[in-house]
N, C-alpha and C. Protein backbone atom coordinates (compact mmCIF):
# COMPACT_ATOMS: atom_id res chain seq x y z
N MET A 1 126.95 93.96 86.20
CA MET A 1 128.32 94.26 85.87
C MET A 1 128.42 94.57 84.16
N ASN A 2 129.68 95.55 84.39
CA ASN A 2 129.78 96.15 83.32
C ASN A 2 130.50 94.86 82.50
N ALA A 3 131.13 95.20 81.11
CA ALA A 3 131.92 94.44 80.01
C ALA A 3 133.32 93.86 80.77
N THR A 4 134.04 94.87 81.14
CA THR A 4 135.40 94.63 81.91
C THR A 4 135.56 93.50 83.05
N GLN A 5 134.49 93.39 84.06
CA GLN A 5 134.49 92.74 85.24
C GLN A 5 134.46 91.38 85.49
N PRO A 6 134.13 90.88 84.17
CA PRO A 6 134.11 89.53 84.17
C PRO A 6 135.66 89.12 83.68
N THR A 7 136.21 90.40 82.80
CA THR A 7 137.53 89.51 82.26
C THR A 7 138.19 90.28 83.49
N LEU A 8 138.34 91.26 84.24
CA LEU A 8 138.79 91.54 85.57
C LEU A 8 138.91 90.08 86.53
N LEU A 9 137.71 89.38 86.60
CA LEU A 9 137.46 88.64 87.72
C LEU A 9 138.27 87.35 87.44
N ARG A 10 138.27 87.17 85.81
CA ARG A 10 138.95 85.86 85.42
C ARG A 10 140.60 86.05 85.88
N ALA A 11 141.03 87.29 85.41
CA ALA A 11 142.33 87.48 85.33
C ALA A 11 142.66 87.11 86.86
N THR A 12 142.44 87.94 88.16
CA THR A 12 142.39 87.80 89.35
C THR A 12 142.02 86.51 89.90
N THR A 13 141.39 85.64 89.30
CA THR A 13 140.93 84.09 89.65
C THR A 13 142.26 83.20 89.05
N LEU A 14 142.97 83.92 88.02
CA LEU A 14 143.97 82.92 86.93
C LEU A 14 145.67 83.30 88.30
N ALA A 15 145.18 84.66 88.35
CA ALA A 15 146.81 85.02 89.20
C ALA A 15 146.79 84.29 90.45
N ALA A 16 145.48 84.25 91.48
CA ALA A 16 145.60 83.57 92.66
C ALA A 16 145.39 82.41 92.31
N ALA A 17 145.28 81.43 91.45
CA ALA A 17 145.12 80.13 91.81
C ALA A 17 146.60 79.52 90.95
N ILE A 18 147.31 80.96 90.29
CA ILE A 18 148.81 80.32 89.89
C ILE A 18 149.75 80.76 90.96
N ALA A 19 149.36 81.45 92.18
CA ALA A 19 149.89 81.44 93.19
C ALA A 19 149.80 80.67 94.29
N LEU A 20 148.48 80.00 94.10
CA LEU A 20 148.26 78.58 95.07
C LEU A 20 149.05 77.76 94.79
N ALA A 21 148.96 77.15 92.93
CA ALA A 21 149.72 76.24 92.64
C ALA A 21 151.46 76.32 92.86
N THR A 22 152.02 78.10 92.87
CA THR A 22 153.32 77.78 93.19
C THR A 22 153.55 77.31 94.30
N SER A 23 152.67 78.02 95.29
CA SER A 23 153.02 77.93 96.87
C SER A 23 152.94 76.44 97.28
N LEU A 24 152.10 75.53 96.53
CA LEU A 24 151.37 74.13 97.07
C LEU A 24 152.71 73.62 96.46
N ALA A 25 153.40 73.74 95.24
CA ALA A 25 154.71 72.98 94.58
C ALA A 25 155.74 73.65 95.80
N ALA A 26 155.77 74.50 96.27
CA ALA A 26 157.10 75.28 96.94
C ALA A 26 156.95 74.33 98.45
N CYS A 27 155.95 73.56 98.46
CA CYS A 27 155.62 73.02 100.22
C CYS A 27 156.10 71.91 100.24
N ASN A 28 156.84 71.08 99.14
CA ASN A 28 157.15 69.82 99.13
C ASN A 28 156.06 68.70 99.67
N LYS A 29 155.03 69.16 99.01
CA LYS A 29 153.98 68.53 99.59
C LYS A 29 154.14 67.23 98.38
N LYS A 30 153.70 66.21 98.40
CA LYS A 30 153.67 65.20 97.28
C LYS A 30 151.95 65.43 96.90
N ASP A 31 151.89 65.95 95.57
CA ASP A 31 150.38 65.77 95.02
C ASP A 31 150.81 65.38 93.46
N GLU A 32 150.31 64.35 93.35
CA GLU A 32 150.45 63.42 92.09
C GLU A 32 149.73 64.19 91.04
N ARG A 33 149.09 65.28 91.26
CA ARG A 33 148.73 65.59 89.73
C ARG A 33 149.12 66.68 89.13
N THR A 34 148.99 66.83 87.66
CA THR A 34 149.89 67.81 86.96
C THR A 34 149.70 69.23 87.46
N ALA A 35 150.66 69.79 86.94
CA ALA A 35 150.80 71.46 87.17
C ALA A 35 149.19 71.79 86.80
N GLY A 36 149.13 71.58 85.55
CA GLY A 36 147.55 72.01 84.92
C GLY A 36 146.14 71.50 85.82
N GLN A 37 146.05 70.04 86.26
CA GLN A 37 145.30 69.94 86.88
C GLN A 37 145.64 70.72 88.27
N GLN A 38 146.56 71.02 88.84
CA GLN A 38 147.02 71.98 90.27
C GLN A 38 146.13 73.36 90.06
N VAL A 39 146.56 73.96 88.67
CA VAL A 39 146.20 74.88 87.99
C VAL A 39 144.39 75.13 88.00
N ASP A 40 143.88 74.31 87.49
CA ASP A 40 142.49 73.95 87.32
C ASP A 40 141.80 73.76 88.87
N SER A 41 142.56 73.58 89.63
CA SER A 41 141.81 73.20 91.04
C SER A 41 141.89 74.38 92.06
N ALA A 42 142.98 75.12 91.34
CA ALA A 42 143.26 76.47 92.38
C ALA A 42 142.15 77.53 91.67
N ILE A 43 142.00 76.97 90.20
CA ILE A 43 141.06 78.42 89.58
C ILE A 43 139.53 77.97 90.30
N ALA A 44 139.13 76.34 90.46
CA ALA A 44 137.61 76.16 90.78
C ALA A 44 137.31 76.83 91.84
N LYS A 45 138.63 76.71 93.00
CA LYS A 45 138.78 77.05 94.23
C LYS A 45 138.30 78.61 94.31
N SER A 46 139.19 79.36 93.76
CA SER A 46 138.88 80.77 93.81
C SER A 46 137.53 81.32 92.91
N GLU A 47 136.84 80.45 92.18
CA GLU A 47 135.80 80.59 91.56
C GLU A 47 135.16 80.66 92.63
N GLN A 48 134.74 79.54 93.42
CA GLN A 48 134.03 79.05 94.57
C GLN A 48 133.91 80.22 95.72
N ALA A 49 135.09 80.66 96.21
CA ALA A 49 135.33 81.64 97.24
C ALA A 49 134.77 83.30 96.38
N ALA A 50 134.92 83.31 95.22
CA ALA A 50 134.34 84.50 94.71
C ALA A 50 132.47 84.68 94.64
N LYS A 51 132.28 83.29 94.19
CA LYS A 51 130.75 82.96 94.44
C LYS A 51 130.02 82.97 95.76
N ASP A 52 130.99 82.29 96.40
CA ASP A 52 130.72 82.41 97.97
C ASP A 52 130.41 83.69 98.62
N ALA A 53 131.70 84.66 98.27
CA ALA A 53 131.68 85.97 98.78
C ALA A 53 130.41 86.90 97.89
N GLN A 54 130.11 86.49 96.92
CA GLN A 54 128.99 87.27 95.85
C GLN A 54 127.81 86.76 96.54
N ALA A 55 127.59 85.79 97.23
CA ALA A 55 126.50 85.36 97.75
C ALA A 55 125.94 86.02 99.09
N LYS A 56 127.31 86.21 99.23
CA LYS A 56 127.20 86.66 101.27
C LYS A 56 126.96 88.62 100.93
N ALA A 57 127.27 89.11 99.93
CA ALA A 57 127.31 90.61 99.49
C ALA A 57 125.75 90.70 99.07
N ALA A 58 125.46 90.00 98.51
CA ALA A 58 123.34 89.41 97.92
C ALA A 58 122.78 89.43 99.39
N ASP A 59 123.08 88.31 100.34
CA ASP A 59 122.74 88.43 101.72
C ASP A 59 122.86 89.40 102.36
N ALA A 60 123.62 90.19 102.25
CA ALA A 60 123.76 91.33 103.52
C ALA A 60 122.88 92.64 102.65
N ALA A 61 122.79 92.92 101.27
CA ALA A 61 122.13 93.70 100.48
C ALA A 61 120.88 93.37 100.75
N GLN A 62 120.12 92.29 101.05
CA GLN A 62 118.70 91.66 101.08
C GLN A 62 118.50 92.27 102.74
N GLU A 63 119.20 92.31 103.43
CA GLU A 63 119.27 92.75 105.05
C GLU A 63 119.20 93.96 105.24
N ALA A 64 119.70 94.64 104.25
CA ALA A 64 120.07 95.86 104.77
C ALA A 64 118.53 96.57 104.02
N LYS A 65 118.26 96.05 102.95
CA LYS A 65 116.96 96.30 102.40
C LYS A 65 115.90 96.34 103.20
N VAL A 66 115.73 94.80 103.82
CA VAL A 66 114.76 94.50 104.42
C VAL A 66 114.65 95.64 105.66
N ALA A 67 115.70 96.02 106.42
CA ALA A 67 116.29 97.14 107.67
C ALA A 67 115.61 98.24 107.46
N ALA A 68 115.98 98.72 106.21
CA ALA A 68 115.43 99.91 105.48
C ALA A 68 114.03 100.14 105.61
N ASN A 69 113.22 98.90 104.87
CA ASN A 69 111.75 99.19 104.76
C ASN A 69 111.14 99.34 106.30
N ARG A 70 111.64 98.81 107.11
CA ARG A 70 111.18 98.67 108.42
C ARG A 70 111.54 99.74 109.09
N ALA A 71 112.22 100.49 108.90
CA ALA A 71 112.84 101.54 109.31
C ALA A 71 111.87 102.89 108.89
N GLY A 72 111.48 102.19 107.42
CA GLY A 72 110.51 103.51 107.08
C GLY A 72 109.37 103.39 107.20
N ALA A 73 108.83 101.98 107.40
CA ALA A 73 107.33 101.95 108.08
C ALA A 73 107.09 102.35 109.48
N GLU A 74 108.29 101.94 110.48
CA GLU A 74 108.62 103.17 111.65
C GLU A 74 108.21 104.54 111.57
N ILE A 75 109.02 104.86 110.95
CA ILE A 75 109.08 106.44 110.30
C ILE A 75 107.80 107.01 110.01
N LYS A 76 106.86 106.10 109.00
CA LYS A 76 105.88 107.12 108.63
C LYS A 76 104.69 106.43 109.73
N GLN A 77 104.58 105.55 110.48
CA GLN A 77 104.07 105.60 111.64
C GLN A 77 104.07 106.42 112.64
N GLU A 78 105.14 107.11 112.96
CA GLU A 78 105.64 108.06 114.31
C GLU A 78 105.15 109.22 113.53
N ALA A 79 105.18 109.56 111.93
CA ALA A 79 104.44 110.79 111.29
C ALA A 79 103.08 110.81 111.35
N ARG A 80 102.16 109.29 111.13
CA ARG A 80 100.87 109.54 111.27
C ARG A 80 100.68 110.13 112.91
N GLU A 81 101.16 109.49 113.71
CA GLU A 81 101.23 109.57 115.16
C GLU A 81 101.07 110.91 115.67
N MET A 82 102.00 111.70 114.87
CA MET A 82 102.17 113.06 115.36
C MET A 82 101.32 114.32 114.77
N LYS A 83 100.84 113.55 113.45
CA LYS A 83 99.88 114.39 112.83
C LYS A 83 98.54 114.38 113.96
N ALA A 84 98.14 113.31 114.14
CA ALA A 84 97.04 112.86 115.05
C ALA A 84 97.12 113.91 116.52
N ASP A 85 98.25 114.08 116.92
CA ASP A 85 98.25 114.59 117.90
C ASP A 85 98.20 116.16 117.66
N ALA A 86 98.98 116.69 116.25
CA ALA A 86 98.80 118.07 116.19
C ALA A 86 97.65 118.55 115.83
N ASN A 87 96.35 117.47 115.08
CA ASN A 87 95.10 117.42 114.78
C ASN A 87 94.39 117.96 116.20
N ALA A 88 94.68 116.59 117.13
CA ALA A 88 94.19 117.11 118.33
C ALA A 88 94.38 118.32 119.19
N ALA A 89 95.31 118.94 118.80
CA ALA A 89 96.25 120.11 120.19
C ALA A 89 95.34 121.55 118.88
N VAL A 90 94.90 121.17 117.99
CA VAL A 90 94.64 122.32 117.17
C VAL A 90 92.95 122.48 117.65
N ALA A 91 92.28 121.13 117.40
CA ALA A 91 91.23 121.69 118.06
C ALA A 91 90.98 121.95 119.55
N ARG A 92 91.28 121.23 120.16
CA ARG A 92 91.43 121.54 121.90
C ARG A 92 91.61 123.01 121.61
N ALA A 93 92.71 123.59 120.78
CA ALA A 93 92.90 125.17 120.91
C ALA A 93 91.47 125.44 120.40
N GLY A 94 91.19 125.08 119.35
CA GLY A 94 89.66 125.76 118.94
C GLY A 94 88.85 125.94 119.99
N ASP A 95 88.43 124.91 120.73
CA ASP A 95 87.56 124.60 121.51
C ASP A 95 87.91 125.75 123.06
N ALA A 96 88.91 126.24 122.96
CA ALA A 96 89.01 126.67 124.46
C ALA A 96 88.82 128.13 123.58
N ALA A 97 89.27 128.48 122.41
CA ALA A 97 89.25 129.72 121.91
C ALA A 97 87.58 130.24 121.72
N SER A 98 86.57 129.18 121.61
CA SER A 98 85.23 129.35 121.32
C SER A 98 84.80 129.43 122.88
N ASP A 99 85.01 129.08 123.80
CA ASP A 99 84.38 128.44 125.42
C ASP A 99 85.02 130.32 125.94
N ALA A 100 86.12 130.82 125.06
CA ALA A 100 86.65 132.32 125.66
C ALA A 100 85.67 133.35 125.06
N ALA A 101 85.45 133.09 123.73
CA ALA A 101 84.63 133.86 122.98
C ALA A 101 83.17 133.64 123.90
N THR A 102 82.65 132.59 124.18
CA THR A 102 81.26 132.49 124.66
C THR A 102 81.26 133.73 126.48
N THR A 103 82.50 132.99 126.74
CA THR A 103 82.47 133.96 128.23
C THR A 103 82.37 135.11 128.15
N ALA A 104 82.84 135.59 127.24
CA ALA A 104 83.02 137.33 126.87
C ALA A 104 81.55 137.74 126.24
N ALA A 105 81.04 136.72 125.45
CA ALA A 105 79.61 137.17 125.49
C ALA A 105 78.82 137.21 126.19
N VAL A 106 78.66 135.84 127.08
CA VAL A 106 77.87 135.99 128.20
C VAL A 106 78.34 137.58 129.10
N LYS A 107 79.22 137.47 129.36
CA LYS A 107 79.74 138.93 130.62
C LYS A 107 79.24 140.12 129.87
N ALA A 108 79.25 140.20 128.52
CA ALA A 108 78.81 141.56 127.82
C ALA A 108 77.43 141.71 127.83
N LYS A 109 76.69 140.61 127.36
CA LYS A 109 75.47 140.89 127.46
C LYS A 109 74.61 141.21 129.12
N LEU A 110 75.43 140.39 130.28
CA LEU A 110 75.40 140.93 131.89
C LEU A 110 75.31 142.47 132.03
N VAL A 111 76.44 142.73 131.35
CA VAL A 111 76.78 144.29 131.96
C VAL A 111 75.37 144.69 131.53
N ALA A 112 74.69 144.46 130.48
CA ALA A 112 73.36 145.66 129.69
C ALA A 112 72.38 145.35 130.57
N ASP A 113 72.29 144.81 131.57
CA ASP A 113 71.32 144.25 132.44
C ASP A 113 71.68 145.11 134.05
N SER A 114 70.55 146.18 134.35
CA SER A 114 70.75 146.86 135.61
C SER A 114 70.79 146.15 137.16
N GLU A 115 70.38 144.81 136.96
CA GLU A 115 70.21 144.54 138.22
C GLU A 115 71.01 143.12 138.67
N LEU A 116 71.83 143.15 137.83
CA LEU A 116 73.12 141.70 137.64
C LEU A 116 74.42 142.64 137.55
N SER A 117 75.00 142.43 138.34
CA SER A 117 76.24 143.23 138.67
C SER A 117 77.53 141.70 137.63
N ALA A 118 77.95 142.33 136.25
CA ALA A 118 78.78 141.86 135.51
C ALA A 118 79.86 141.35 135.97
N LEU A 119 80.39 142.28 137.48
CA LEU A 119 81.73 142.37 137.69
C LEU A 119 81.57 141.34 139.07
N ARG A 120 80.61 141.43 139.59
CA ARG A 120 80.40 140.08 140.45
C ARG A 120 79.94 138.67 140.23
N ILE A 121 79.18 138.82 139.21
CA ILE A 121 79.32 137.33 138.54
C ILE A 121 80.29 136.59 137.52
N ASP A 122 80.56 135.26 138.40
CA ASP A 122 81.69 134.61 137.19
C ASP A 122 81.05 133.77 136.37
N VAL A 123 81.69 133.72 134.96
CA VAL A 123 81.15 133.35 133.90
C VAL A 123 82.40 132.06 133.81
N ASP A 124 81.87 130.65 133.72
CA ASP A 124 83.43 129.78 132.95
C ASP A 124 82.36 129.19 132.23
N THR A 125 83.07 128.67 131.00
CA THR A 125 82.51 128.12 129.69
C THR A 125 83.38 126.99 129.54
N LYS A 126 82.61 125.59 129.93
CA LYS A 126 83.54 124.69 129.14
C LYS A 126 82.69 123.73 128.38
N ASP A 127 83.15 123.78 126.85
CA ASP A 127 82.46 122.54 125.99
C ASP A 127 81.09 123.29 125.53
N GLY A 128 80.80 124.54 125.88
CA GLY A 128 79.61 125.16 125.40
C GLY A 128 78.51 125.24 126.79
N ALA A 129 79.12 124.85 127.81
CA ALA A 129 78.54 124.59 129.07
C ALA A 129 78.83 125.93 129.63
N VAL A 130 77.83 126.50 130.02
CA VAL A 130 78.43 128.09 130.82
C VAL A 130 77.77 127.80 132.07
N THR A 131 78.85 127.98 133.20
CA THR A 131 78.34 128.10 134.28
C THR A 131 78.39 129.46 135.41
N LEU A 132 77.47 129.80 136.09
CA LEU A 132 77.15 131.14 136.85
C LEU A 132 77.28 131.22 138.10
N THR A 133 78.29 131.90 138.78
CA THR A 133 78.49 131.89 140.24
C THR A 133 78.32 133.34 140.45
N GLY A 134 78.09 133.56 141.64
CA GLY A 134 78.05 135.10 142.49
C GLY A 134 76.58 135.12 142.78
N PRO A 135 76.13 136.51 143.15
CA PRO A 135 75.03 137.13 143.78
C PRO A 135 73.96 137.56 142.31
N ALA A 136 73.02 137.48 143.22
CA ALA A 136 72.11 137.82 142.43
C ALA A 136 70.76 138.79 143.23
N PRO A 137 70.41 139.79 142.88
CA PRO A 137 69.43 140.45 144.10
C PRO A 137 68.22 140.15 144.28
N ASN A 138 67.59 139.10 143.23
CA ASN A 138 66.59 138.44 143.77
C ASN A 138 66.05 137.26 142.61
N ALA A 139 65.24 136.36 142.61
CA ALA A 139 64.86 135.30 141.85
C ALA A 139 64.88 135.45 140.63
N ALA A 140 64.00 136.69 140.20
CA ALA A 140 63.74 137.17 138.85
C ALA A 140 65.03 137.68 138.33
N ALA A 141 66.04 138.21 139.02
CA ALA A 141 67.60 138.20 138.54
C ALA A 141 68.00 137.33 137.67
N LYS A 142 67.77 136.29 138.86
CA LYS A 142 68.77 135.06 138.78
C LYS A 142 68.13 134.18 137.57
N ALA A 143 66.66 134.37 137.49
CA ALA A 143 66.12 133.66 136.22
C ALA A 143 66.66 134.34 135.00
N ARG A 144 66.73 136.06 134.70
CA ARG A 144 67.20 136.28 133.94
C ARG A 144 68.74 136.08 133.33
N ALA A 145 69.21 135.95 134.18
CA ALA A 145 70.72 135.78 134.14
C ALA A 145 70.72 134.13 133.15
N THR A 146 69.91 133.40 133.43
CA THR A 146 69.89 132.16 132.92
C THR A 146 69.28 132.29 131.18
N THR A 147 68.56 133.33 131.23
CA THR A 147 67.83 133.56 129.80
C THR A 147 68.99 134.31 129.12
N ILE A 148 69.67 135.01 129.68
CA ILE A 148 70.57 136.02 129.20
C ILE A 148 71.81 135.09 128.33
N ALA A 149 72.45 134.19 129.22
CA ALA A 149 73.31 133.09 129.49
C ALA A 149 72.63 132.42 127.46
N GLN A 150 71.67 131.53 127.95
CA GLN A 150 71.40 130.72 126.76
C GLN A 150 71.03 131.51 125.28
N SER A 151 70.84 133.22 125.35
CA SER A 151 70.53 133.80 124.19
C SER A 151 71.93 133.82 123.55
N VAL A 152 73.45 133.43 124.32
CA VAL A 152 74.22 133.55 123.45
C VAL A 152 74.46 132.34 122.38
N LYS A 153 75.02 132.68 121.09
CA LYS A 153 75.18 131.37 120.35
C LYS A 153 76.32 130.48 121.00
N GLY A 154 76.20 129.27 120.77
CA GLY A 154 77.02 128.48 121.05
C GLY A 154 76.82 127.85 122.90
N VAL A 155 76.18 128.42 123.09
CA VAL A 155 75.69 127.99 124.76
C VAL A 155 74.77 126.97 124.64
N GLY A 156 75.19 125.66 124.94
CA GLY A 156 74.66 124.42 125.02
C GLY A 156 73.65 124.29 126.20
N ALA A 157 74.13 124.79 127.46
CA ALA A 157 73.74 124.45 128.85
C ALA A 157 74.06 125.58 129.84
N VAL A 158 73.23 125.79 130.53
CA VAL A 158 73.75 126.90 131.73
C VAL A 158 73.46 126.39 132.71
N HIS A 159 74.49 126.37 133.70
CA HIS A 159 74.48 126.17 135.18
C HIS A 159 74.10 127.45 136.11
N ASN A 160 73.26 127.57 136.71
CA ASN A 160 72.79 129.05 137.49
C ASN A 160 73.11 128.84 138.86
N ASN A 161 74.35 128.62 139.46
CA ASN A 161 74.75 128.92 140.58
C ASN A 161 74.77 130.25 141.57
N LEU A 162 73.85 131.27 140.67
CA LEU A 162 73.83 132.47 141.76
C LEU A 162 73.54 132.05 142.89
N ALA A 163 73.67 132.98 143.76
CA ALA A 163 73.21 132.79 145.36
C ALA A 163 72.18 134.30 145.46
N VAL A 164 70.85 134.09 145.87
CA VAL A 164 69.82 135.35 145.51
C VAL A 164 70.58 135.68 147.13
N HIS A 165 70.51 137.06 147.23
CA HIS A 165 70.71 138.09 148.23
C HIS A 165 69.62 138.65 148.85
């Protein structure tokens, strides 16, 4: 409160009390109190009403603060969840790029083998596990395909499904 607010509050309270006392006197009610007592009573009621209004305002401010804190906590939780989702998406994208690079490297090495047809052998990579599907001219070429795939950096396992023709 600044310095003028208590003075303003008192003046407003006094004006309300005088108006109340005047209206009571005009109602022809028998009030055996003196005019001063009536004014004092009106002032006391006005001050109480002002205190009640101030208490209600303080309660409303506290409720608003609690609601704002709750909303802030919910926003922070949403942000944490969004960050975790974004990190997971980046990790999945990195894994997919790594698998694609592994597939390309295995295909490139298969091209160098004169007996294996890189065009006819399908190479799939998932989480570092390479699966070879397609034809192989003989058992030795099929075994070489496994060795070739295993020689690529990042390959953890090779599933050789090549069919010998």
